[in-house]
Amino acid sequence: MYDVIVIGGSFAGQAAAIQLARARMSVLLIDAGLPRNRFADASHGFLGQDGKAPNTIMREATAQLRRYPNAQILQNDAQKVARNGKTFTVSLANGAKFQTKRLILATGVSDTLPDIPGVAERWGKTVLHCPYCDGYEIRNHQLGIIATNPMSIHQATLIPDWGPTTYFTQGIYEPDPEQAMLLSKRGVVIERTPIISLIGDAPGLDAVKLADGRLIEVAAVFTVPKTRPASPIAEDLGCILENGPTGPFIKVDTWGATSVSGVYVTGDAANPMHNATVAAASGVLAGIAAHQSLARA
């Protein structure tokens, strides 16, 4: 019987686990090894870690967590969680089962990318979603936005600070007059003919091909993927979901507590704003909250 089991070992999960380890709780971190950021070569804007590969940051974090004798780490896939009164049983893909008094889910989200040839193989390299994470590295180049939902217009207003920008409406996400005026003031070119493919040796990008046959040179494109929680565990336990601008996410309070007593969700799965620093900070809060709930109990 563990005090806390943390499922998910990226920024949010490890940040939660180390708080619990330092509080002298018995904590088990279970990680399937498939973080959302596995497609990225570097993490940027993360305090003290700027430019490091995400897996390097996580290896260092894991090594630090292993120094605490009350913390254990398992590489496996947590497939199911059953509630037993005030405790939980976590079942892994290999058949192992573990019990815990509190549960922290840091399982992240999965992305659904635009169904355009050439997008998937460039994801995280020259097809991007966060300008604060990757914009500086492709500064001063021709950039584009592939519109996928109304948030794409907001994205288009930001990108000119990194380079000359074309907003591809895909023939669907047309700016209203006020938005069009703002985009014009920002120097954004609006292209209404849909992109049908990306051109160049992947993961590099030379241009986008439009439905009318034209090629428009771009070095990188930004897009807003649809998202949903990567694991069904929170929903299976009865946690309430909310609708965000890119898809559903788990409803939590400031400390990561869900609508189900004893269950906390942290990181991208619990926040419509996806950012490594924000995810790590939310992990700290969830770890502290889980410890304090045990102290009160």
C-alpha atoms as a PDB file:
ATOM      1  CA  MET A   1       0.000   0.000   0.000  1.00  0.00           C
ATOM      2  CA  TYR A   2       1.638   3.203  -1.196  1.00  0.00           C
ATOM      3  CA  ASP A   3       0.776   6.619   0.133  1.00  0.00           C
ATOM      4  CA  VAL A   4       0.643   7.978  -3.414  1.00  0.00           C
ATOM      5  CA  ILE A   5       0.971   6.503  -6.888  1.00  0.00           C
ATOM      6  CA  VAL A   6       1.843   8.939  -9.664  1.00  0.00           C
ATOM      7  CA  ILE A   7       1.000   7.789 -13.195  1.00  0.00           C
ATOM      8  CA  GLY A   8       3.032   9.625 -15.824  1.00  0.00           C
ATOM      9  CA  GLY A   9       6.718  10.484 -15.569  1.00  0.00           C
ATOM     10  CA  SER A  10       7.238  13.651 -17.586  1.00  0.00           C
ATOM     11  CA  PHE A  11       7.490  17.209 -16.234  1.00  0.00           C
ATOM     12  CA  ALA A  12       4.293  17.201 -14.172  1.00  0.00           C
ATOM     13  CA  GLY A  13       4.569  13.656 -12.819  1.00  0.00           C
ATOM     14  CA  GLN A  14       8.178  13.914 -11.701  1.00  0.00           C
ATOM     15  CA  ALA A  15       7.568  17.327 -10.146  1.00  0.00           C
ATOM     16  CA  ALA A  16       4.756  15.800  -8.067  1.00  0.00           C
ATOM     17  CA  ALA A  17       6.730  12.696  -7.134  1.00  0.00           C
ATOM     18  CA  ILE A  18       9.763  14.529  -5.780  1.00  0.00           C
ATOM     19  CA  GLN A  19       7.594  16.705  -3.528  1.00  0.00           C
ATOM     20  CA  LEU A  20       6.064  13.551  -2.085  1.00  0.00           C
ATOM     21  CA  ALA A  21       9.427  11.838  -1.710  1.00  0.00           C
ATOM     22  CA  ARG A  22      10.768  14.817   0.204  1.00  0.00           C
ATOM     23  CA  ALA A  23       7.664  14.727   2.422  1.00  0.00           C
ATOM     24  CA  ARG A  24       8.745  11.149   3.279  1.00  0.00           C
ATOM     25  CA  MET A  25       5.704   9.600   1.671  1.00  0.00           C
ATOM     26  CA  SER A  26       5.955   6.184   0.032  1.00  0.00           C
ATOM     27  CA  VAL A  27       5.516   7.043  -3.637  1.00  0.00           C
ATOM     28  CA  LEU A  28       5.464   4.919  -6.779  1.00  0.00           C
ATOM     29  CA  LEU A  29       5.964   6.612 -10.146  1.00  0.00           C
ATOM     30  CA  ILE A  30       4.671   4.592 -13.110  1.00  0.00           C
ATOM     31  CA  ASP A  31       5.673   5.763 -16.581  1.00  0.00           C
ATOM     32  CA  ALA A  32       4.937   4.222 -19.977  1.00  0.00           C
ATOM     33  CA  GLY A  33       7.781   6.172 -21.607  1.00  0.00           C
ATOM     34  CA  LEU A  34       5.666   7.938 -24.261  1.00  0.00           C
ATOM     35  CA  PRO A  35       5.647  11.631 -23.302  1.00  0.00           C
ATOM     36  CA  ARG A  36       3.905  14.113 -25.553  1.00  0.00           C
ATOM     37  CA  ASN A  37       7.189  15.992 -26.057  1.00  0.00           C
ATOM     38  CA  ARG A  38       9.042  12.952 -27.440  1.00  0.00           C
ATOM     39  CA  PHE A  39       8.935  14.527 -30.919  1.00  0.00           C
ATOM     40  CA  ALA A  40      10.849  17.638 -29.821  1.00  0.00           C
ATOM     41  CA  ASP A  41      14.627  17.936 -29.937  1.00  0.00           C
ATOM     42  CA  ALA A  42      14.847  20.601 -27.245  1.00  0.00           C
ATOM     43  CA  SER A  43      12.840  22.238 -24.496  1.00  0.00           C
ATOM     44  CA  HIS A  44      12.976  26.034 -24.424  1.00  0.00           C
ATOM     45  CA  GLY A  45      11.970  28.658 -21.901  1.00  0.00           C
ATOM     46  CA  PHE A  46      12.188  26.175 -19.009  1.00  0.00           C
ATOM     47  CA  LEU A  47      14.079  27.803 -16.142  1.00  0.00           C
ATOM     48  CA  GLY A  48      17.676  26.613 -15.991  1.00  0.00           C
ATOM     49  CA  GLN A  49      17.129  23.988 -18.698  1.00  0.00           C
ATOM     50  CA  ASP A  50      16.805  26.078 -21.862  1.00  0.00           C
ATOM     51  CA  GLY A  51      17.915  24.170 -24.937  1.00  0.00           C
ATOM     52  CA  LYS A  52      18.148  20.739 -23.319  1.00  0.00           C
ATOM     53  CA  ALA A  53      16.350  17.792 -24.870  1.00  0.00           C
ATOM     54  CA  PRO A  54      13.207  16.882 -22.908  1.00  0.00           C
ATOM     55  CA  ASN A  55      14.393  13.291 -22.411  1.00  0.00           C
ATOM     56  CA  THR A  56      17.700  14.581 -21.010  1.00  0.00           C
ATOM     57  CA  ILE A  57      15.849  16.755 -18.500  1.00  0.00           C
ATOM     58  CA  MET A  58      13.686  13.803 -17.498  1.00  0.00           C
ATOM     59  CA  ARG A  59      16.647  11.429 -17.137  1.00  0.00           C
ATOM     60  CA  GLU A  60      18.271  13.899 -14.768  1.00  0.00           C
ATOM     61  CA  ALA A  61      15.016  14.282 -12.840  1.00  0.00           C
ATOM     62  CA  THR A  62      14.642  10.499 -12.592  1.00  0.00           C
ATOM     63  CA  ALA A  63      18.183  10.131 -11.276  1.00  0.00           C
ATOM     64  CA  GLN A  64      17.435  12.737  -8.618  1.00  0.00           C
ATOM     65  CA  LEU A  65      14.176  11.030  -7.633  1.00  0.00           C
ATOM     66  CA  ARG A  66      15.932   7.665  -7.282  1.00  0.00           C
ATOM     67  CA  ARG A  67      18.091   9.118  -4.490  1.00  0.00           C
ATOM     68  CA  TYR A  68      15.068   9.017  -2.200  1.00  0.00           C
ATOM     69  CA  PRO A  69      14.683   5.499  -0.733  1.00  0.00           C
ATOM     70  CA  ASN A  70      10.929   5.960  -0.255  1.00  0.00           C
ATOM     71  CA  ALA A  71      10.400   6.566  -4.002  1.00  0.00           C
ATOM     72  CA  GLN A  72      10.144   3.798  -6.578  1.00  0.00           C
ATOM     73  CA  ILE A  73       9.934   4.048 -10.364  1.00  0.00           C
ATOM     74  CA  LEU A  74       8.416   1.517 -12.754  1.00  0.00           C
ATOM     75  CA  GLN A  75       8.565   1.599 -16.546  1.00  0.00           C
ATOM     76  CA  ASN A  76       5.181   0.199 -17.513  1.00  0.00           C
ATOM     77  CA  ASP A  77       1.745   1.125 -18.781  1.00  0.00           C
ATOM     78  CA  ALA A  78      -0.929   1.745 -16.146  1.00  0.00           C
ATOM     79  CA  GLN A  79      -4.058   0.536 -17.902  1.00  0.00           C
ATOM     80  CA  LYS A  80      -6.767   0.604 -15.271  1.00  0.00           C
ATOM     81  CA  VAL A  81      -7.546   1.948 -11.810  1.00  0.00           C
ATOM     82  CA  ALA A  82     -10.266   0.567  -9.554  1.00  0.00           C
ATOM     83  CA  ARG A  83     -11.563   2.347  -6.486  1.00  0.00           C
ATOM     84  CA  ASN A  84     -11.901   0.301  -3.297  1.00  0.00           C
ATOM     85  CA  GLY A  85     -13.556   2.527  -0.719  1.00  0.00           C
ATOM     86  CA  LYS A  86     -10.896   5.090   0.181  1.00  0.00           C
ATOM     87  CA  THR A  87      -8.054   3.390  -1.693  1.00  0.00           C
ATOM     88  CA  PHE A  88      -7.228   2.587  -5.303  1.00  0.00           C
ATOM     89  CA  THR A  89      -5.826  -0.447  -7.139  1.00  0.00           C
ATOM     90  CA  VAL A  90      -3.679   0.294 -10.176  1.00  0.00           C
ATOM     91  CA  SER A  91      -3.371  -2.479 -12.777  1.00  0.00           C
ATOM     92  CA  LEU A  92      -0.422  -2.511 -15.183  1.00  0.00           C
ATOM     93  CA  ALA A  93      -0.049  -3.951 -18.668  1.00  0.00           C
ATOM     94  CA  ASN A  94       2.179  -6.740 -17.311  1.00  0.00           C
ATOM     95  CA  GLY A  95      -0.536  -7.859 -14.888  1.00  0.00           C
ATOM     96  CA  ALA A  96       1.006  -6.351 -11.758  1.00  0.00           C
ATOM     97  CA  LYS A  97      -1.281  -4.535  -9.321  1.00  0.00           C
ATOM     98  CA  PHE A  98      -0.489  -1.913  -6.697  1.00  0.00           C
ATOM     99  CA  GLN A  99      -2.593  -0.212  -4.060  1.00  0.00           C
ATOM    100  CA  THR A 100      -2.470   3.416  -3.016  1.00  0.00           C
ATOM    101  CA  LYS A 101      -4.207   5.886  -0.719  1.00  0.00           C
ATOM    102  CA  ARG A 102      -3.953   8.778  -3.198  1.00  0.00           C
ATOM    103  CA  LEU A 103      -3.623   8.897  -6.968  1.00  0.00           C
ATOM    104  CA  ILE A 104      -1.983  11.564  -9.129  1.00  0.00           C
ATOM    105  CA  LEU A 105      -2.541  11.330 -12.873  1.00  0.00           C
ATOM    106  CA  ALA A 106       0.042  13.095 -15.035  1.00  0.00           C
ATOM    107  CA  THR A 107      -0.763  11.230 -18.220  1.00  0.00           C
ATOM    108  CA  GLY A 108      -0.951  14.236 -20.535  1.00  0.00           C
ATOM    109  CA  VAL A 109      -2.880  14.618 -23.754  1.00  0.00           C
ATOM    110  CA  SER A 110      -2.759  13.155 -27.234  1.00  0.00           C
ATOM    111  CA  ASP A 111      -2.712  15.331 -30.332  1.00  0.00           C
ATOM    112  CA  THR A 112      -4.804  14.973 -33.475  1.00  0.00           C
ATOM    113  CA  LEU A 113      -2.942  16.773 -36.242  1.00  0.00           C
ATOM    114  CA  PRO A 114      -4.389  18.259 -39.431  1.00  0.00           C
ATOM    115  CA  ASP A 115      -4.958  15.534 -42.018  1.00  0.00           C
ATOM    116  CA  ILE A 116      -2.506  16.975 -44.532  1.00  0.00           C
ATOM    117  CA  PRO A 117       0.274  14.917 -46.160  1.00  0.00           C
ATOM    118  CA  GLY A 118       3.632  15.856 -44.672  1.00  0.00           C
ATOM    119  CA  VAL A 119       2.392  17.176 -41.331  1.00  0.00           C
ATOM    120  CA  ALA A 120       2.916  14.111 -39.108  1.00  0.00           C
ATOM    121  CA  GLU A 121       6.551  13.475 -40.057  1.00  0.00           C
ATOM    122  CA  ARG A 122       7.447  17.104 -39.304  1.00  0.00           C
ATOM    123  CA  TRP A 123       5.580  17.394 -35.988  1.00  0.00           C
ATOM    124  CA  GLY A 124       7.773  18.935 -33.301  1.00  0.00           C
ATOM    125  CA  LYS A 125      10.420  19.954 -35.856  1.00  0.00           C
ATOM    126  CA  THR A 126       8.990  22.282 -38.522  1.00  0.00           C
ATOM    127  CA  VAL A 127       5.300  21.788 -37.721  1.00  0.00           C
ATOM    128  CA  LEU A 128       4.897  23.421 -34.326  1.00  0.00           C
ATOM    129  CA  HIS A 129       2.214  24.556 -31.913  1.00  0.00           C
ATOM    130  CA  CYS A 130       3.908  26.782 -29.314  1.00  0.00           C
ATOM    131  CA  PRO A 131       5.791  29.886 -30.474  1.00  0.00           C
ATOM    132  CA  TYR A 132       7.141  30.475 -26.971  1.00  0.00           C
ATOM    133  CA  CYS A 133       8.701  27.009 -27.064  1.00  0.00           C
ATOM    134  CA  ASP A 134      10.081  27.004 -30.609  1.00  0.00           C
ATOM    135  CA  GLY A 135       9.600  30.392 -32.246  1.00  0.00           C
ATOM    136  CA  TYR A 136      13.052  31.777 -31.504  1.00  0.00           C
ATOM    137  CA  GLU A 137      14.766  28.899 -33.301  1.00  0.00           C
ATOM    138  CA  ILE A 138      12.989  29.661 -36.604  1.00  0.00           C
ATOM    139  CA  ARG A 139      13.060  33.465 -36.277  1.00  0.00           C
ATOM    140  CA  ASN A 140      13.393  35.696 -39.338  1.00  0.00           C
ATOM    141  CA  HIS A 141      12.155  32.961 -41.703  1.00  0.00           C
ATOM    142  CA  GLN A 142       8.912  32.811 -43.645  1.00  0.00           C
ATOM    143  CA  LEU A 143       6.333  31.249 -41.319  1.00  0.00           C
ATOM    144  CA  GLY A 144       2.780  29.997 -41.698  1.00  0.00           C
ATOM    145  CA  ILE A 145      -0.262  29.077 -39.631  1.00  0.00           C
ATOM    146  CA  ILE A 146      -2.449  26.163 -40.701  1.00  0.00           C
ATOM    147  CA  ALA A 147      -5.872  27.063 -39.312  1.00  0.00           C
ATOM    148  CA  THR A 148      -7.635  24.246 -37.475  1.00  0.00           C
ATOM    149  CA  ASN A 149     -10.029  26.075 -35.166  1.00  0.00           C
ATOM    150  CA  PRO A 150     -10.947  29.637 -34.103  1.00  0.00           C
ATOM    151  CA  MET A 151      -7.842  29.747 -31.827  1.00  0.00           C
ATOM    152  CA  SER A 152      -5.700  29.753 -34.965  1.00  0.00           C
ATOM    153  CA  ILE A 153      -6.473  33.432 -35.531  1.00  0.00           C
ATOM    154  CA  HIS A 154      -5.152  34.248 -32.063  1.00  0.00           C
ATOM    155  CA  GLN A 155      -2.034  32.254 -32.928  1.00  0.00           C
ATOM    156  CA  ALA A 156      -1.642  34.224 -36.165  1.00  0.00           C
ATOM    157  CA  THR A 157      -1.581  37.538 -34.281  1.00  0.00           C
ATOM    158  CA  LEU A 158       1.458  36.348 -32.289  1.00  0.00           C
ATOM    159  CA  ILE A 159       3.696  34.719 -34.900  1.00  0.00           C
ATOM    160  CA  PRO A 160       4.834  37.930 -36.679  1.00  0.00           C
ATOM    161  CA  ASP A 161       7.074  38.661 -33.684  1.00  0.00           C
ATOM    162  CA  TRP A 162       9.209  35.743 -34.897  1.00  0.00           C
ATOM    163  CA  GLY A 163       9.015  36.162 -38.661  1.00  0.00           C
ATOM    164  CA  PRO A 164       6.950  37.178 -41.736  1.00  0.00           C
ATOM    165  CA  THR A 165       3.671  35.301 -41.438  1.00  0.00           C
ATOM    166  CA  THR A 166       0.993  33.864 -43.714  1.00  0.00           C
ATOM    167  CA  TYR A 167      -2.319  32.767 -42.224  1.00  0.00           C
ATOM    168  CA  PHE A 168      -3.809  29.845 -44.164  1.00  0.00           C
ATOM    169  CA  THR A 169      -7.545  29.822 -43.445  1.00  0.00           C
ATOM    170  CA  GLN A 170      -7.945  26.409 -45.136  1.00  0.00           C
ATOM    171  CA  GLY A 171     -11.085  27.943 -46.600  1.00  0.00           C
ATOM    172  CA  ILE A 172     -12.859  27.564 -43.247  1.00  0.00           C
ATOM    173  CA  TYR A 173     -11.504  29.763 -40.445  1.00  0.00           C
ATOM    174  CA  GLU A 174     -12.053  33.213 -41.849  1.00  0.00           C
ATOM    175  CA  PRO A 175     -11.241  36.195 -39.598  1.00  0.00           C
ATOM    176  CA  ASP A 176     -14.051  38.612 -38.857  1.00  0.00           C
ATOM    177  CA  PRO A 177     -13.531  42.286 -39.832  1.00  0.00           C
ATOM    178  CA  GLU A 178     -11.972  43.234 -36.491  1.00  0.00           C
ATOM    179  CA  GLN A 179      -9.636  40.242 -36.564  1.00  0.00           C
ATOM    180  CA  ALA A 180      -8.734  40.916 -40.197  1.00  0.00           C
ATOM    181  CA  MET A 181      -7.810  44.488 -39.291  1.00  0.00           C
ATOM    182  CA  LEU A 182      -5.547  43.293 -36.468  1.00  0.00           C
ATOM    183  CA  LEU A 183      -3.880  40.723 -38.707  1.00  0.00           C
ATOM    184  CA  SER A 184      -3.321  43.432 -41.327  1.00  0.00           C
ATOM    185  CA  LYS A 185      -1.738  45.754 -38.754  1.00  0.00           C
ATOM    186  CA  ARG A 186       0.525  42.878 -37.728  1.00  0.00           C
ATOM    187  CA  GLY A 187       1.586  42.375 -41.341  1.00  0.00           C
ATOM    188  CA  VAL A 188      -0.026  38.943 -41.665  1.00  0.00           C
ATOM    189  CA  VAL A 189      -0.868  37.775 -45.197  1.00  0.00           C
ATOM    190  CA  ILE A 190      -4.195  35.929 -45.399  1.00  0.00           C
ATOM    191  CA  GLU A 191      -4.307  32.990 -47.837  1.00  0.00           C
ATOM    192  CA  ARG A 192      -7.713  31.392 -48.418  1.00  0.00           C
ATOM    193  CA  THR A 193      -6.732  28.569 -50.782  1.00  0.00           C
ATOM    194  CA  PRO A 194      -6.258  25.383 -48.696  1.00  0.00           C
ATOM    195  CA  ILE A 195      -2.897  23.707 -48.172  1.00  0.00           C
ATOM    196  CA  ILE A 196      -2.940  20.171 -49.588  1.00  0.00           C
ATOM    197  CA  SER A 197       0.615  19.056 -48.761  1.00  0.00           C
ATOM    198  CA  LEU A 198       3.956  20.068 -47.275  1.00  0.00           C
ATOM    199  CA  ILE A 199       7.033  20.103 -49.508  1.00  0.00           C
ATOM    200  CA  GLY A 200      10.690  19.354 -48.682  1.00  0.00           C
ATOM    201  CA  ASP A 201      12.889  16.673 -47.163  1.00  0.00           C
ATOM    202  CA  ALA A 202      11.204  15.933 -43.817  1.00  0.00           C
ATOM    203  CA  PRO A 203      11.613  16.976 -41.122  1.00  0.00           C
ATOM    204  CA  GLY A 204      12.738  20.041 -43.038  1.00  0.00           C
ATOM    205  CA  LEU A 205      10.169  22.231 -44.777  1.00  0.00           C
ATOM    206  CA  ASP A 206      10.618  24.247 -47.960  1.00  0.00           C
ATOM    207  CA  ALA A 207       7.085  25.184 -48.951  1.00  0.00           C
ATOM    208  CA  VAL A 208       3.402  24.352 -48.758  1.00  0.00           C
ATOM    209  CA  LYS A 209       1.436  23.306 -51.830  1.00  0.00           C
ATOM    210  CA  LEU A 210      -2.016  24.816 -52.283  1.00  0.00           C
ATOM    211  CA  ALA A 211      -5.095  23.301 -53.892  1.00  0.00           C
ATOM    212  CA  ASP A 212      -4.645  25.502 -56.963  1.00  0.00           C
ATOM    213  CA  GLY A 213      -1.096  24.205 -57.507  1.00  0.00           C
ATOM    214  CA  ARG A 214       0.786  27.193 -56.143  1.00  0.00           C
ATOM    215  CA  LEU A 215       3.781  26.736 -53.853  1.00  0.00           C
ATOM    216  CA  ILE A 216       4.349  29.193 -51.016  1.00  0.00           C
ATOM    217  CA  GLU A 217       7.759  29.130 -49.350  1.00  0.00           C
ATOM    218  CA  VAL A 218       7.770  28.672 -45.587  1.00  0.00           C
ATOM    219  CA  ALA A 219      10.442  27.365 -43.219  1.00  0.00           C
ATOM    220  CA  ALA A 220       7.974  26.273 -40.534  1.00  0.00           C
ATOM    221  CA  VAL A 221       4.252  26.244 -39.862  1.00  0.00           C
ATOM    222  CA  PHE A 222       2.319  26.501 -36.630  1.00  0.00           C
ATOM    223  CA  THR A 223      -0.972  24.764 -36.011  1.00  0.00           C
ATOM    224  CA  VAL A 224      -3.351  24.089 -33.132  1.00  0.00           C
ATOM    225  CA  PRO A 225      -3.911  20.322 -32.841  1.00  0.00           C
ATOM    226  CA  LYS A 226      -7.062  18.883 -31.350  1.00  0.00           C
ATOM    227  CA  THR A 227      -6.319  17.358 -27.950  1.00  0.00           C
ATOM    228  CA  ARG A 228      -7.860  14.967 -25.481  1.00  0.00           C
ATOM    229  CA  PRO A 229      -6.584  13.198 -22.341  1.00  0.00           C
ATOM    230  CA  ALA A 230      -4.134  10.505 -23.417  1.00  0.00           C
ATOM    231  CA  SER A 231      -5.389   8.065 -20.783  1.00  0.00           C
ATOM    232  CA  PRO A 232      -9.028   7.140 -20.055  1.00  0.00           C
ATOM    233  CA  ILE A 233      -8.302   6.512 -16.352  1.00  0.00           C
ATOM    234  CA  ALA A 234      -9.606   9.838 -15.008  1.00  0.00           C
ATOM    235  CA  GLU A 235     -12.799   9.583 -17.026  1.00  0.00           C
ATOM    236  CA  ASP A 236     -13.254   5.924 -16.038  1.00  0.00           C
ATOM    237  CA  LEU A 237     -13.024   6.944 -12.376  1.00  0.00           C
ATOM    238  CA  GLY A 238     -15.790   9.480 -12.901  1.00  0.00           C
ATOM    239  CA  CYS A 239     -13.734  12.691 -12.956  1.00  0.00           C
ATOM    240  CA  ILE A 240     -15.603  15.596 -14.512  1.00  0.00           C
ATOM    241  CA  LEU A 241     -14.288  16.902 -17.841  1.00  0.00           C
ATOM    242  CA  GLU A 242     -14.509  20.431 -19.237  1.00  0.00           C
ATOM    243  CA  ASN A 243     -14.404  21.628 -22.829  1.00  0.00           C
ATOM    244  CA  GLY A 244     -11.362  23.687 -23.747  1.00  0.00           C
ATOM    245  CA  PRO A 245     -10.414  25.536 -26.936  1.00  0.00           C
ATOM    246  CA  THR A 246      -8.625  22.463 -28.352  1.00  0.00           C
ATOM    247  CA  GLY A 247     -10.656  19.686 -26.720  1.00  0.00           C
ATOM    248  CA  PRO A 248     -11.716  18.226 -23.375  1.00  0.00           C
ATOM    249  CA  PHE A 249      -9.569  18.380 -20.242  1.00  0.00           C
ATOM    250  CA  ILE A 250     -10.030  17.190 -16.654  1.00  0.00           C
ATOM    251  CA  LYS A 251     -11.666  19.691 -14.310  1.00  0.00           C
ATOM    252  CA  VAL A 252      -9.473  20.362 -11.251  1.00  0.00           C
ATOM    253  CA  ASP A 253      -9.148  22.984  -8.557  1.00  0.00           C
ATOM    254  CA  THR A 254      -6.041  25.135  -8.018  1.00  0.00           C
ATOM    255  CA  TRP A 255      -4.253  22.199  -6.356  1.00  0.00           C
ATOM    256  CA  GLY A 256      -5.114  19.601  -8.990  1.00  0.00           C
ATOM    257  CA  ALA A 257      -7.929  17.923  -7.039  1.00  0.00           C
ATOM    258  CA  THR A 258     -10.588  16.396  -9.273  1.00  0.00           C
ATOM    259  CA  SER A 259     -14.281  15.817  -8.580  1.00  0.00           C
ATOM    260  CA  VAL A 260     -13.315  12.339  -7.254  1.00  0.00           C
ATOM    261  CA  SER A 261     -11.933  12.323  -3.723  1.00  0.00           C
ATOM    262  CA  GLY A 262      -8.314  11.202  -3.555  1.00  0.00           C
ATOM    263  CA  VAL A 263      -7.656  11.686  -7.289  1.00  0.00           C
ATOM    264  CA  TYR A 264      -5.491  14.523  -8.583  1.00  0.00           C
ATOM    265  CA  VAL A 265      -4.729  15.378 -12.207  1.00  0.00           C
ATOM    266  CA  THR A 266      -1.791  17.546 -13.203  1.00  0.00           C
ATOM    267  CA  GLY A 267      -0.068  18.749 -16.359  1.00  0.00           C
ATOM    268  CA  ASP A 268      -1.571  19.141 -19.820  1.00  0.00           C
ATOM    269  CA  ALA A 269      -4.523  16.831 -19.110  1.00  0.00           C
ATOM    270  CA  ALA A 270      -5.819  19.318 -16.541  1.00  0.00           C
ATOM    271  CA  ASN A 271      -5.062  22.616 -18.249  1.00  0.00           C
ATOM    272  CA  PRO A 272      -6.036  24.072 -21.631  1.00  0.00           C
ATOM    273  CA  MET A 273      -2.680  25.927 -21.639  1.00  0.00           C
ATOM    274  CA  HIS A 274       0.096  23.485 -22.506  1.00  0.00           C
ATOM    275  CA  ASN A 275       3.583  24.451 -21.410  1.00  0.00           C
ATOM    276  CA  ALA A 276       6.406  22.544 -19.700  1.00  0.00           C
ATOM    277  CA  THR A 277       6.916  25.130 -16.962  1.00  0.00           C
ATOM    278  CA  VAL A 278       3.204  25.316 -16.215  1.00  0.00           C
ATOM    279  CA  ALA A 279       3.006  21.500 -16.160  1.00  0.00           C
ATOM    280  CA  ALA A 280       5.905  21.209 -13.707  1.00  0.00           C
ATOM    281  CA  ALA A 281       4.417  23.892 -11.449  1.00  0.00           C
ATOM    282  CA  SER A 282       1.061  22.126 -11.412  1.00  0.00           C
ATOM    283  CA  GLY A 283       2.844  18.894 -10.486  1.00  0.00           C
ATOM    284  CA  VAL A 284       4.368  20.594  -7.459  1.00  0.00           C
ATOM    285  CA  LEU A 285       0.923  21.760  -6.332  1.00  0.00           C
ATOM    286  CA  ALA A 286      -0.650  18.320  -6.793  1.00  0.00           C
ATOM    287  CA  GLY A 287       2.154  16.618  -4.859  1.00  0.00           C
ATOM    288  CA  ILE A 288       1.793  19.036  -1.968  1.00  0.00           C
ATOM    289  CA  ALA A 289      -2.002  18.733  -2.010  1.00  0.00           C
ATOM    290  CA  ALA A 290      -1.881  14.927  -1.929  1.00  0.00           C
ATOM    291  CA  HIS A 291       0.524  14.998   1.034  1.00  0.00           C
ATOM    292  CA  GLN A 292      -1.581  17.498   2.955  1.00  0.00           C
ATOM    293  CA  SER A 293      -4.751  15.492   2.368  1.00  0.00           C
ATOM    294  CA  LEU A 294      -3.011  12.456   3.868  1.00  0.00           C
ATOM    295  CA  ALA A 295      -1.879  14.520   6.842  1.00  0.00           C
ATOM    296  CA  ARG A 296      -5.434  15.682   7.459  1.00  0.00           C
ATOM    297  CA  ALA A 297      -6.690  12.111   7.194  1.00  0.00           C
END
